[in-house]
Amino acid sequence: METSQIISAIVFGIVIGALGLLAKPRGQHIGLRWTITVGIVAALAGTCIAAGLGLAETKGVNWIEWLIQIVLAAAGVAALGQFRARA
């Protein structure tokens, strides 16, 4: 993974983490820091998965990598919300 991919994954992770606050149901008690952290981790994991599948190098926007990152972020926010609700 190149440095530019890591930096873009972190920036994208911050954005999808912040957007996760808008998409979550009101009953969840996940703060901004947690959603951004989950977004960053999901974006980095999505970049690694896309690279492992040979999908990381494309010309233009890599929609498949973004889709993987978004799905991982949504799953992460939902899982954290369930975990925090039980605790």
C-alpha atoms as a PDB file:
ATOM      1  CA  MET A   1       0.000   0.000   0.000  1.00  0.00           C
ATOM      2  CA  GLU A   2       1.405   3.370  -1.011  1.00  0.00           C
ATOM      3  CA  THR A   3       1.505   6.459   1.184  1.00  0.00           C
ATOM      4  CA  SER A   4      -1.024   8.246  -1.029  1.00  0.00           C
ATOM      5  CA  GLN A   5      -3.452   5.347  -0.610  1.00  0.00           C
ATOM      6  CA  ILE A   6      -3.081   5.478   3.168  1.00  0.00           C
ATOM      7  CA  ILE A   7      -3.629   9.233   3.283  1.00  0.00           C
ATOM      8  CA  SER A   8      -6.666   9.070   0.994  1.00  0.00           C
ATOM      9  CA  ALA A   9      -8.092   6.188   3.045  1.00  0.00           C
ATOM     10  CA  ILE A  10      -7.723   8.234   6.244  1.00  0.00           C
ATOM     11  CA  VAL A  11      -9.364  11.299   4.693  1.00  0.00           C
ATOM     12  CA  PHE A  12     -12.131   9.177   3.199  1.00  0.00           C
ATOM     13  CA  GLY A  13     -12.520   7.404   6.537  1.00  0.00           C
ATOM     14  CA  ILE A  14     -13.031  10.711   8.333  1.00  0.00           C
ATOM     15  CA  VAL A  15     -15.702  11.675   5.817  1.00  0.00           C
ATOM     16  CA  ILE A  16     -17.593   8.374   5.954  1.00  0.00           C
ATOM     17  CA  GLY A  17     -17.260   8.313   9.728  1.00  0.00           C
ATOM     18  CA  ALA A  18     -18.782  11.769  10.004  1.00  0.00           C
ATOM     19  CA  LEU A  19     -21.529  10.793   7.563  1.00  0.00           C
ATOM     20  CA  GLY A  20     -22.189   7.766   9.744  1.00  0.00           C
ATOM     21  CA  LEU A  21     -23.547  10.134  12.376  1.00  0.00           C
ATOM     22  CA  LEU A  22     -26.175  11.346   9.932  1.00  0.00           C
ATOM     23  CA  ALA A  23     -27.199   7.822   8.935  1.00  0.00           C
ATOM     24  CA  LYS A  24     -27.417   6.236  12.364  1.00  0.00           C
ATOM     25  CA  PRO A  25     -30.702   5.820  14.203  1.00  0.00           C
ATOM     26  CA  ARG A  26     -31.215   8.237  17.083  1.00  0.00           C
ATOM     27  CA  GLY A  27     -31.168   5.462  19.685  1.00  0.00           C
ATOM     28  CA  GLN A  28     -27.463   4.704  19.284  1.00  0.00           C
ATOM     29  CA  HIS A  29     -24.981   6.290  21.647  1.00  0.00           C
ATOM     30  CA  ILE A  30     -21.913   6.511  19.445  1.00  0.00           C
ATOM     31  CA  GLY A  31     -20.008   9.752  19.502  1.00  0.00           C
ATOM     32  CA  LEU A  32     -18.216  11.567  16.718  1.00  0.00           C
ATOM     33  CA  ARG A  33     -14.813  10.182  17.719  1.00  0.00           C
ATOM     34  CA  TRP A  34     -16.001   6.576  17.531  1.00  0.00           C
ATOM     35  CA  THR A  35     -17.707   6.988  14.170  1.00  0.00           C
ATOM     36  CA  ILE A  36     -14.649   8.678  12.693  1.00  0.00           C
ATOM     37  CA  THR A  37     -12.394   5.974  14.152  1.00  0.00           C
ATOM     38  CA  VAL A  38     -14.601   3.246  12.696  1.00  0.00           C
ATOM     39  CA  GLY A  39     -14.619   5.101   9.367  1.00  0.00           C
ATOM     40  CA  ILE A  40     -10.824   5.340   9.261  1.00  0.00           C
ATOM     41  CA  VAL A  41     -10.359   1.677  10.187  1.00  0.00           C
ATOM     42  CA  ALA A  42     -12.966   0.635   7.604  1.00  0.00           C
ATOM     43  CA  ALA A  43     -11.345   2.766   4.913  1.00  0.00           C
ATOM     44  CA  LEU A  44      -7.899   1.331   5.610  1.00  0.00           C
ATOM     45  CA  ALA A  45      -9.282  -2.209   5.713  1.00  0.00           C
ATOM     46  CA  GLY A  46     -11.197  -1.595   2.481  1.00  0.00           C
ATOM     47  CA  THR A  47      -8.028  -0.366   0.798  1.00  0.00           C
ATOM     48  CA  CYS A  48      -6.174  -3.488   1.942  1.00  0.00           C
ATOM     49  CA  ILE A  49      -8.978  -5.766   0.768  1.00  0.00           C
ATOM     50  CA  ALA A  50      -9.133  -4.049  -2.631  1.00  0.00           C
ATOM     51  CA  ALA A  51      -5.356  -4.325  -2.980  1.00  0.00           C
ATOM     52  CA  GLY A  52      -5.489  -7.999  -2.009  1.00  0.00           C
ATOM     53  CA  LEU A  53      -8.123  -8.648  -4.656  1.00  0.00           C
ATOM     54  CA  GLY A  54      -6.123  -6.733  -7.278  1.00  0.00           C
ATOM     55  CA  LEU A  55      -8.711  -3.951  -7.482  1.00  0.00           C
ATOM     56  CA  ALA A  56      -6.660  -1.100  -6.053  1.00  0.00           C
ATOM     57  CA  GLU A  57      -5.036   0.098  -9.279  1.00  0.00           C
ATOM     58  CA  THR A  58      -7.552   1.749 -11.598  1.00  0.00           C
ATOM     59  CA  LYS A  59      -7.642   4.783 -13.828  1.00  0.00           C
ATOM     60  CA  GLY A  60      -9.894   7.390 -12.300  1.00  0.00           C
ATOM     61  CA  VAL A  61     -12.204   6.836  -9.348  1.00  0.00           C
ATOM     62  CA  ASN A  62     -12.056   3.372  -7.805  1.00  0.00           C
ATOM     63  CA  TRP A  63     -15.751   2.802  -7.159  1.00  0.00           C
ATOM     64  CA  ILE A  64     -15.325  -0.798  -6.042  1.00  0.00           C
ATOM     65  CA  GLU A  65     -12.808   0.181  -3.364  1.00  0.00           C
ATOM     66  CA  TRP A  66     -15.117   2.947  -2.164  1.00  0.00           C
ATOM     67  CA  LEU A  67     -18.027   0.509  -2.019  1.00  0.00           C
ATOM     68  CA  ILE A  68     -15.973  -1.927   0.059  1.00  0.00           C
ATOM     69  CA  GLN A  69     -14.970   0.898   2.417  1.00  0.00           C
ATOM     70  CA  ILE A  70     -18.532   2.157   2.812  1.00  0.00           C
ATOM     71  CA  VAL A  71     -19.934  -1.325   3.472  1.00  0.00           C
ATOM     72  CA  LEU A  72     -17.230  -1.981   6.080  1.00  0.00           C
ATOM     73  CA  ALA A  73     -17.887   1.390   7.736  1.00  0.00           C
ATOM     74  CA  ALA A  74     -21.641   0.793   7.857  1.00  0.00           C
ATOM     75  CA  ALA A  75     -21.116  -2.674   9.323  1.00  0.00           C
ATOM     76  CA  GLY A  76     -18.605  -1.307  11.837  1.00  0.00           C
ATOM     77  CA  VAL A  77     -20.880   1.491  13.017  1.00  0.00           C
ATOM     78  CA  ALA A  78     -23.808  -0.928  13.321  1.00  0.00           C
ATOM     79  CA  ALA A  79     -21.704  -3.456  15.257  1.00  0.00           C
ATOM     80  CA  LEU A  80     -20.327  -0.782  17.578  1.00  0.00           C
ATOM     81  CA  GLY A  81     -23.841   0.558  18.131  1.00  0.00           C
ATOM     82  CA  GLN A  82     -25.076  -2.902  19.116  1.00  0.00           C
ATOM     83  CA  PHE A  83     -22.090  -3.443  21.388  1.00  0.00           C
ATOM     84  CA  ARG A  84     -22.493  -0.080  23.104  1.00  0.00           C
ATOM     85  CA  ALA A  85     -26.238  -0.633  23.537  1.00  0.00           C
ATOM     86  CA  ARG A  86     -25.612  -3.868  25.442  1.00  0.00           C
ATOM     87  CA  ALA A  87     -22.846  -2.440  27.611  1.00  0.00           C
END
